[in-house]
Amino acid sequence: MSSTLVIPGFSKATPEELAFLDHELAPERDWYKDTPRFASNEDIEIAYGSGELVEVTDNEDLQLTLRFKDKRDRFKPYLTGLALDALHFFGNTWRTELPEDLAAGSVRLAVTSMVRSEAHQRELSSRGTLAVADSTHCAAGAFDVDAAGYYIFDEIGKLTSQGHPDRQGQQTVQRMVMDVPEETIPPYEYEYDARITSAAIRAAQLLQDAGVINLVQEFQGTPNACLHMAANPNT
């Protein structure tokens, strides 16, 4: 098992991965070339207050990672209305791609990134992550979904994270509800089910084939795999 902790969409990127990203972003660059970017989190909040952006919340298909709740001053859970529609369409499509024994709402996909300020984007780029300066995230038109992990309800009905077995720290339950007494948490017994994330990849590809999104499969085939999706404003 790997000793390297990986976070979807934010690992160190090689020159080859950055070149791949640059190439794959071409369609959405064209779609959003004239769309203003948000310089700061303050600008993002102003846009949300004016109705330009809408808040993204959990539903039966999708779960926002915890940082959008306990670090909301830094990570903003907003998108344009168009991008939110694309995100929900993706979630619904994923659900139909799941095997029947998983289609009853016991699992959810993890939304890892939404709108970002240009300042945040520059910080990511300076750290050598897989990020570009003119990201569609800064226009609130893109979102990322974990493609090597998901959330699952445990035996006591609490939502816990489950990642690829080569991610460090997956032998312990990561609680979404932090006031649950430690002694009530059952032993960690789940095995990673690749059918769940494979269905997510198929769903994203279906939306791309339909022209609804531009899809970039970041770190494809690794424990850090992530689906970057930008809504097509021309649909």
C-alpha atoms as a PDB file:
ATOM      1  CA  MET A   1       0.000   0.000   0.000  1.00  0.00           C
ATOM      2  CA  SER A   2       1.267   3.453  -0.859  1.00  0.00           C
ATOM      3  CA  SER A   3       2.441   5.730   1.942  1.00  0.00           C
ATOM      4  CA  THR A   4       1.569   8.871   0.003  1.00  0.00           C
ATOM      5  CA  LEU A   5      -1.611  10.698   0.957  1.00  0.00           C
ATOM      6  CA  VAL A   6      -3.338  11.943  -2.170  1.00  0.00           C
ATOM      7  CA  ILE A   7      -6.082  14.529  -2.501  1.00  0.00           C
ATOM      8  CA  PRO A   8      -8.217  14.458  -5.651  1.00  0.00           C
ATOM      9  CA  GLY A   9      -7.195  17.113  -8.134  1.00  0.00           C
ATOM     10  CA  PHE A  10      -4.438  18.594  -5.984  1.00  0.00           C
ATOM     11  CA  SER A  11      -1.431  16.287  -6.307  1.00  0.00           C
ATOM     12  CA  LYS A  12       1.890  17.397  -7.710  1.00  0.00           C
ATOM     13  CA  ALA A  13       1.730  17.385 -11.474  1.00  0.00           C
ATOM     14  CA  THR A  14       4.404  16.314 -13.920  1.00  0.00           C
ATOM     15  CA  PRO A  15       5.183  18.374 -17.046  1.00  0.00           C
ATOM     16  CA  GLU A  16       3.456  15.678 -19.098  1.00  0.00           C
ATOM     17  CA  GLU A  17       0.300  15.925 -16.974  1.00  0.00           C
ATOM     18  CA  LEU A  18       0.281  19.705 -17.272  1.00  0.00           C
ATOM     19  CA  ALA A  19       0.648  19.441 -21.056  1.00  0.00           C
ATOM     20  CA  PHE A  20      -2.218  16.940 -21.159  1.00  0.00           C
ATOM     21  CA  LEU A  21      -4.385  19.271 -19.088  1.00  0.00           C
ATOM     22  CA  ASP A  22      -3.600  22.232 -21.305  1.00  0.00           C
ATOM     23  CA  HIS A  23      -4.667  20.261 -24.372  1.00  0.00           C
ATOM     24  CA  GLU A  24      -7.852  18.856 -22.832  1.00  0.00           C
ATOM     25  CA  LEU A  25      -9.046  22.272 -21.628  1.00  0.00           C
ATOM     26  CA  ALA A  26      -9.210  23.690 -25.176  1.00  0.00           C
ATOM     27  CA  PRO A  27     -13.010  23.390 -25.631  1.00  0.00           C
ATOM     28  CA  GLU A  28     -13.922  25.102 -22.378  1.00  0.00           C
ATOM     29  CA  ARG A  29     -11.273  27.756 -22.887  1.00  0.00           C
ATOM     30  CA  ASP A  30     -13.124  28.714 -26.032  1.00  0.00           C
ATOM     31  CA  TRP A  31     -16.529  28.566 -24.309  1.00  0.00           C
ATOM     32  CA  TYR A  32     -15.439  30.838 -21.455  1.00  0.00           C
ATOM     33  CA  LYS A  33     -12.852  33.058 -23.138  1.00  0.00           C
ATOM     34  CA  ASP A  34     -14.974  36.192 -22.698  1.00  0.00           C
ATOM     35  CA  THR A  35     -16.372  35.298 -19.265  1.00  0.00           C
ATOM     36  CA  PRO A  36     -15.011  37.412 -16.382  1.00  0.00           C
ATOM     37  CA  ARG A  37     -13.149  35.581 -13.641  1.00  0.00           C
ATOM     38  CA  PHE A  38     -13.548  36.125  -9.914  1.00  0.00           C
ATOM     39  CA  ALA A  39     -10.397  37.736  -8.535  1.00  0.00           C
ATOM     40  CA  SER A  40     -11.049  37.027  -4.861  1.00  0.00           C
ATOM     41  CA  ASN A  41     -13.363  35.195  -2.484  1.00  0.00           C
ATOM     42  CA  GLU A  42     -14.950  38.558  -1.695  1.00  0.00           C
ATOM     43  CA  ASP A  43     -15.912  38.882  -5.362  1.00  0.00           C
ATOM     44  CA  ILE A  44     -17.353  35.376  -5.259  1.00  0.00           C
ATOM     45  CA  GLU A  45     -19.517  36.224  -2.243  1.00  0.00           C
ATOM     46  CA  ILE A  46     -20.746  39.412  -3.922  1.00  0.00           C
ATOM     47  CA  ALA A  47     -21.748  37.388  -6.988  1.00  0.00           C
ATOM     48  CA  TYR A  48     -23.568  34.905  -4.777  1.00  0.00           C
ATOM     49  CA  GLY A  49     -25.358  37.715  -2.956  1.00  0.00           C
ATOM     50  CA  SER A  50     -26.510  39.224  -6.249  1.00  0.00           C
ATOM     51  CA  GLY A  51     -27.830  35.911  -7.543  1.00  0.00           C
ATOM     52  CA  GLU A  52     -25.136  35.472 -10.186  1.00  0.00           C
ATOM     53  CA  LEU A  53     -23.996  32.292  -8.434  1.00  0.00           C
ATOM     54  CA  VAL A  54     -26.055  29.637  -6.662  1.00  0.00           C
ATOM     55  CA  GLU A  55     -25.192  27.458  -3.686  1.00  0.00           C
ATOM     56  CA  VAL A  56     -24.494  23.773  -4.190  1.00  0.00           C
ATOM     57  CA  THR A  57     -25.836  21.441  -1.517  1.00  0.00           C
ATOM     58  CA  ASP A  58     -25.744  17.711  -0.873  1.00  0.00           C
ATOM     59  CA  ASN A  59     -28.352  15.467  -2.447  1.00  0.00           C
ATOM     60  CA  GLU A  60     -28.960  11.725  -2.773  1.00  0.00           C
ATOM     61  CA  ASP A  61     -26.285  11.444  -5.480  1.00  0.00           C
ATOM     62  CA  LEU A  62     -23.639  13.964  -4.457  1.00  0.00           C
ATOM     63  CA  GLN A  63     -21.865  14.949  -1.250  1.00  0.00           C
ATOM     64  CA  LEU A  64     -19.713  18.035  -0.858  1.00  0.00           C
ATOM     65  CA  THR A  65     -16.406  17.276   0.832  1.00  0.00           C
ATOM     66  CA  LEU A  66     -16.175  18.477   4.412  1.00  0.00           C
ATOM     67  CA  ARG A  67     -14.007  21.514   3.664  1.00  0.00           C
ATOM     68  CA  PHE A  68     -16.963  23.242   1.994  1.00  0.00           C
ATOM     69  CA  LYS A  69     -18.636  23.137   5.396  1.00  0.00           C
ATOM     70  CA  ASP A  70     -15.908  23.630   7.984  1.00  0.00           C
ATOM     71  CA  LYS A  71     -13.655  25.872   5.850  1.00  0.00           C
ATOM     72  CA  ARG A  72     -16.289  27.817   3.990  1.00  0.00           C
ATOM     73  CA  ASP A  73     -14.356  31.060   4.365  1.00  0.00           C
ATOM     74  CA  ARG A  74     -11.783  29.576   1.970  1.00  0.00           C
ATOM     75  CA  PHE A  75     -13.673  26.989  -0.099  1.00  0.00           C
ATOM     76  CA  LYS A  76     -16.859  28.324  -1.681  1.00  0.00           C
ATOM     77  CA  PRO A  77     -19.757  25.951  -2.527  1.00  0.00           C
ATOM     78  CA  TYR A  78     -21.044  27.942  -5.497  1.00  0.00           C
ATOM     79  CA  LEU A  79     -21.516  27.526  -9.241  1.00  0.00           C
ATOM     80  CA  THR A  80     -23.416  29.231 -12.007  1.00  0.00           C
ATOM     81  CA  GLY A  81     -26.952  27.944 -12.453  1.00  0.00           C
ATOM     82  CA  LEU A  82     -25.893  26.298 -15.709  1.00  0.00           C
ATOM     83  CA  ALA A  83     -23.004  24.467 -14.045  1.00  0.00           C
ATOM     84  CA  LEU A  84     -25.238  23.341 -11.185  1.00  0.00           C
ATOM     85  CA  ASP A  85     -27.689  21.890 -13.717  1.00  0.00           C
ATOM     86  CA  ALA A  86     -24.800  20.018 -15.358  1.00  0.00           C
ATOM     87  CA  LEU A  87     -23.641  18.725 -11.969  1.00  0.00           C
ATOM     88  CA  HIS A  88     -27.117  17.422 -11.138  1.00  0.00           C
ATOM     89  CA  PHE A  89     -27.451  15.893 -14.601  1.00  0.00           C
ATOM     90  CA  PHE A  90     -24.146  14.123 -14.030  1.00  0.00           C
ATOM     91  CA  GLY A  91     -25.304  12.814 -10.641  1.00  0.00           C
ATOM     92  CA  ASN A  92     -28.566  11.525 -12.079  1.00  0.00           C
ATOM     93  CA  THR A  93     -26.757   9.867 -14.984  1.00  0.00           C
ATOM     94  CA  TRP A  94     -24.274   8.242 -12.621  1.00  0.00           C
ATOM     95  CA  ARG A  95     -27.125   6.788 -10.603  1.00  0.00           C
ATOM     96  CA  THR A  96     -28.534   5.095 -13.708  1.00  0.00           C
ATOM     97  CA  GLU A  97     -25.100   3.637 -14.496  1.00  0.00           C
ATOM     98  CA  LEU A  98     -24.739   1.985 -11.088  1.00  0.00           C
ATOM     99  CA  PRO A  99     -25.404  -1.727 -10.583  1.00  0.00           C
ATOM    100  CA  GLU A 100     -28.889  -2.365  -9.193  1.00  0.00           C
ATOM    101  CA  ASP A 101     -27.615  -3.327  -5.757  1.00  0.00           C
ATOM    102  CA  LEU A 102     -26.080   0.157  -5.374  1.00  0.00           C
ATOM    103  CA  ALA A 103     -28.846   2.269  -6.841  1.00  0.00           C
ATOM    104  CA  ALA A 104     -30.910   2.758  -3.682  1.00  0.00           C
ATOM    105  CA  GLY A 105     -29.032   5.741  -2.264  1.00  0.00           C
ATOM    106  CA  SER A 106     -26.474   3.980  -0.069  1.00  0.00           C
ATOM    107  CA  VAL A 107     -23.551   5.726  -1.791  1.00  0.00           C
ATOM    108  CA  ARG A 108     -22.767   9.241  -2.972  1.00  0.00           C
ATOM    109  CA  LEU A 109     -20.030  10.767  -5.087  1.00  0.00           C
ATOM    110  CA  ALA A 110     -17.700  13.370  -3.602  1.00  0.00           C
ATOM    111  CA  VAL A 111     -17.681  16.877  -5.087  1.00  0.00           C
ATOM    112  CA  THR A 112     -14.165  18.171  -4.456  1.00  0.00           C
ATOM    113  CA  SER A 113     -13.977  21.545  -6.260  1.00  0.00           C
ATOM    114  CA  MET A 114     -16.318  24.243  -7.501  1.00  0.00           C
ATOM    115  CA  VAL A 115     -15.733  27.972  -7.968  1.00  0.00           C
ATOM    116  CA  ARG A 116     -12.231  29.231  -7.129  1.00  0.00           C
ATOM    117  CA  SER A 117     -10.836  32.731  -7.030  1.00  0.00           C
ATOM    118  CA  GLU A 118      -7.962  33.692  -9.291  1.00  0.00           C
ATOM    119  CA  ALA A 119      -5.895  34.210  -6.152  1.00  0.00           C
ATOM    120  CA  HIS A 120      -6.572  30.635  -5.060  1.00  0.00           C
ATOM    121  CA  GLN A 121      -5.815  29.369  -8.555  1.00  0.00           C
ATOM    122  CA  ARG A 122      -2.443  31.150  -8.582  1.00  0.00           C
ATOM    123  CA  GLU A 123      -1.642  29.552  -5.244  1.00  0.00           C
ATOM    124  CA  LEU A 124      -2.410  26.096  -6.611  1.00  0.00           C
ATOM    125  CA  SER A 125      -0.261  26.714  -9.683  1.00  0.00           C
ATOM    126  CA  SER A 126       2.634  27.974  -7.572  1.00  0.00           C
ATOM    127  CA  ARG A 127       2.532  24.750  -5.536  1.00  0.00           C
ATOM    128  CA  GLY A 128       2.983  22.664  -8.679  1.00  0.00           C
ATOM    129  CA  THR A 129      -0.478  21.134  -8.663  1.00  0.00           C
ATOM    130  CA  LEU A 130      -2.487  20.225 -11.741  1.00  0.00           C
ATOM    131  CA  ALA A 131      -3.866  23.725 -12.275  1.00  0.00           C
ATOM    132  CA  VAL A 132      -3.807  26.439 -14.937  1.00  0.00           C
ATOM    133  CA  ALA A 133      -4.083  30.191 -14.504  1.00  0.00           C
ATOM    134  CA  ASP A 134      -7.119  30.631 -16.771  1.00  0.00           C
ATOM    135  CA  SER A 135      -9.175  27.893 -15.148  1.00  0.00           C
ATOM    136  CA  THR A 136     -12.905  27.717 -15.787  1.00  0.00           C
ATOM    137  CA  HIS A 137     -13.241  27.165 -12.037  1.00  0.00           C
ATOM    138  CA  CYS A 138     -12.544  30.900 -11.695  1.00  0.00           C
ATOM    139  CA  ALA A 139     -15.639  31.597 -13.783  1.00  0.00           C
ATOM    140  CA  ALA A 140     -17.726  29.203 -11.637  1.00  0.00           C
ATOM    141  CA  GLY A 141     -18.420  27.068 -14.689  1.00  0.00           C
ATOM    142  CA  ALA A 142     -16.576  23.910 -13.636  1.00  0.00           C
ATOM    143  CA  PHE A 143     -16.641  21.333 -10.870  1.00  0.00           C
ATOM    144  CA  ASP A 144     -14.520  18.336  -9.906  1.00  0.00           C
ATOM    145  CA  VAL A 145     -15.690  14.948  -8.667  1.00  0.00           C
ATOM    146  CA  ASP A 146     -13.536  12.287  -7.049  1.00  0.00           C
ATOM    147  CA  ALA A 147     -13.057   9.335  -9.414  1.00  0.00           C
ATOM    148  CA  ALA A 148     -11.233   7.106  -6.922  1.00  0.00           C
ATOM    149  CA  GLY A 149     -13.404   7.520  -3.840  1.00  0.00           C
ATOM    150  CA  TYR A 150     -16.955   8.049  -2.676  1.00  0.00           C
ATOM    151  CA  TYR A 151     -19.153   8.280   0.422  1.00  0.00           C
ATOM    152  CA  ILE A 152     -21.117   5.409   1.922  1.00  0.00           C
ATOM    153  CA  PHE A 153     -23.627   5.145   4.751  1.00  0.00           C
ATOM    154  CA  ASP A 154     -22.388   2.873   7.524  1.00  0.00           C
ATOM    155  CA  GLU A 155     -24.420   0.545   9.739  1.00  0.00           C
ATOM    156  CA  ILE A 156     -25.520   3.370  12.042  1.00  0.00           C
ATOM    157  CA  GLY A 157     -26.528   5.635   9.196  1.00  0.00           C
ATOM    158  CA  LYS A 158     -23.525   7.958   9.261  1.00  0.00           C
ATOM    159  CA  LEU A 159     -21.875   9.032   6.055  1.00  0.00           C
ATOM    160  CA  THR A 160     -18.237   8.008   5.806  1.00  0.00           C
ATOM    161  CA  SER A 161     -15.616   8.331   3.102  1.00  0.00           C
ATOM    162  CA  GLN A 162     -14.219   5.380   1.199  1.00  0.00           C
ATOM    163  CA  GLY A 163     -11.208   5.779  -1.032  1.00  0.00           C
ATOM    164  CA  HIS A 164      -9.044   3.706  -3.302  1.00  0.00           C
ATOM    165  CA  PRO A 165      -7.063   1.155  -1.212  1.00  0.00           C
ATOM    166  CA  ASP A 166      -3.769   2.780  -2.207  1.00  0.00           C
ATOM    167  CA  ARG A 167      -4.736   5.963  -0.408  1.00  0.00           C
ATOM    168  CA  GLN A 168      -3.155   6.338   2.986  1.00  0.00           C
ATOM    169  CA  GLY A 169      -5.457   6.406   5.988  1.00  0.00           C
ATOM    170  CA  GLN A 170      -8.348   4.458   4.508  1.00  0.00           C
ATOM    171  CA  GLN A 171      -8.333   1.923   7.344  1.00  0.00           C
ATOM    172  CA  THR A 172     -10.073   4.418   9.589  1.00  0.00           C
ATOM    173  CA  VAL A 173     -13.517   5.919   9.222  1.00  0.00           C
ATOM    174  CA  GLN A 174     -13.631   9.625   8.333  1.00  0.00           C
ATOM    175  CA  ARG A 175     -16.803  10.878   9.975  1.00  0.00           C
ATOM    176  CA  MET A 176     -18.990  13.459   8.290  1.00  0.00           C
ATOM    177  CA  VAL A 177     -20.847  14.145  11.540  1.00  0.00           C
ATOM    178  CA  MET A 178     -18.206  15.163  14.056  1.00  0.00           C
ATOM    179  CA  ASP A 179     -20.302  14.913  17.243  1.00  0.00           C
ATOM    180  CA  VAL A 180     -20.786  11.149  16.960  1.00  0.00           C
ATOM    181  CA  PRO A 181     -19.328   9.486  20.077  1.00  0.00           C
ATOM    182  CA  GLU A 182     -16.216   7.494  19.236  1.00  0.00           C
ATOM    183  CA  GLU A 183     -17.541   4.327  20.855  1.00  0.00           C
ATOM    184  CA  THR A 184     -20.571   4.293  18.549  1.00  0.00           C
ATOM    185  CA  ILE A 185     -18.459   4.016  15.396  1.00  0.00           C
ATOM    186  CA  PRO A 186     -18.348   0.420  14.141  1.00  0.00           C
ATOM    187  CA  PRO A 187     -15.080  -1.173  12.997  1.00  0.00           C
ATOM    188  CA  TYR A 188     -14.039  -0.244   9.488  1.00  0.00           C
ATOM    189  CA  GLU A 189     -15.151  -3.169   7.320  1.00  0.00           C
ATOM    190  CA  TYR A 190     -15.775  -1.746   3.862  1.00  0.00           C
ATOM    191  CA  GLU A 191     -13.845  -2.674   0.777  1.00  0.00           C
ATOM    192  CA  TYR A 192     -13.396  -0.230  -2.077  1.00  0.00           C
ATOM    193  CA  ASP A 193     -15.985  -0.906  -4.780  1.00  0.00           C
ATOM    194  CA  ALA A 194     -14.578   0.185  -8.133  1.00  0.00           C
ATOM    195  CA  ARG A 195     -17.995  -0.211  -9.758  1.00  0.00           C
ATOM    196  CA  ILE A 196     -19.053   3.030  -8.106  1.00  0.00           C
ATOM    197  CA  THR A 197     -16.290   5.174  -9.552  1.00  0.00           C
ATOM    198  CA  SER A 198     -16.325   3.326 -12.879  1.00  0.00           C
ATOM    199  CA  ALA A 199     -19.984   4.321 -13.185  1.00  0.00           C
ATOM    200  CA  ALA A 200     -18.991   7.935 -12.510  1.00  0.00           C
ATOM    201  CA  ILE A 201     -16.465   7.845 -15.332  1.00  0.00           C
ATOM    202  CA  ARG A 202     -19.029   6.357 -17.711  1.00  0.00           C
ATOM    203  CA  ALA A 203     -21.581   9.008 -16.749  1.00  0.00           C
ATOM    204  CA  ALA A 204     -19.111  11.832 -17.358  1.00  0.00           C
ATOM    205  CA  GLN A 205     -18.192  10.380 -20.743  1.00  0.00           C
ATOM    206  CA  LEU A 206     -21.880  10.177 -21.700  1.00  0.00           C
ATOM    207  CA  LEU A 207     -22.344  13.850 -20.862  1.00  0.00           C
ATOM    208  CA  GLN A 208     -19.265  14.775 -22.865  1.00  0.00           C
ATOM    209  CA  ASP A 209     -20.478  12.740 -25.840  1.00  0.00           C
ATOM    210  CA  ALA A 210     -23.779  14.631 -25.623  1.00  0.00           C
ATOM    211  CA  GLY A 211     -21.971  17.980 -25.646  1.00  0.00           C
ATOM    212  CA  VAL A 212     -23.176  18.912 -22.161  1.00  0.00           C
ATOM    213  CA  ILE A 213     -19.710  19.221 -20.614  1.00  0.00           C
ATOM    214  CA  ASN A 214     -16.029  19.251 -21.355  1.00  0.00           C
ATOM    215  CA  LEU A 215     -14.456  16.361 -19.459  1.00  0.00           C
ATOM    216  CA  VAL A 216     -10.861  16.116 -18.296  1.00  0.00           C
ATOM    217  CA  GLN A 217      -9.873  12.896 -16.551  1.00  0.00           C
ATOM    218  CA  GLU A 218      -7.114  14.048 -14.243  1.00  0.00           C
ATOM    219  CA  PHE A 219      -4.615  11.477 -12.912  1.00  0.00           C
ATOM    220  CA  GLN A 220      -6.528   8.827 -14.837  1.00  0.00           C
ATOM    221  CA  GLY A 221      -6.123   5.276 -13.560  1.00  0.00           C
ATOM    222  CA  THR A 222      -4.419   6.305 -10.301  1.00  0.00           C
ATOM    223  CA  PRO A 223      -5.570   6.472  -6.652  1.00  0.00           C
ATOM    224  CA  ASN A 224      -5.843  10.223  -7.193  1.00  0.00           C
ATOM    225  CA  ALA A 225      -8.164  10.093 -10.220  1.00  0.00           C
ATOM    226  CA  CYS A 226     -10.486  13.063 -10.560  1.00  0.00           C
ATOM    227  CA  LEU A 227     -13.152  14.108 -13.055  1.00  0.00           C
ATOM    228  CA  HIS A 228     -12.985  17.779 -14.045  1.00  0.00           C
ATOM    229  CA  MET A 229     -16.175  18.856 -15.798  1.00  0.00           C
ATOM    230  CA  ALA A 230     -17.037  22.242 -17.284  1.00  0.00           C
ATOM    231  CA  ALA A 231     -20.599  23.061 -18.314  1.00  0.00           C
ATOM    232  CA  ASN A 232     -21.091  23.925 -21.976  1.00  0.00           C
ATOM    233  CA  PRO A 233     -22.825  27.352 -22.040  1.00  0.00           C
ATOM    234  CA  ASN A 234     -23.934  26.746 -25.632  1.00  0.00           C
ATOM    235  CA  THR A 235     -26.339  23.911 -24.759  1.00  0.00           C
END
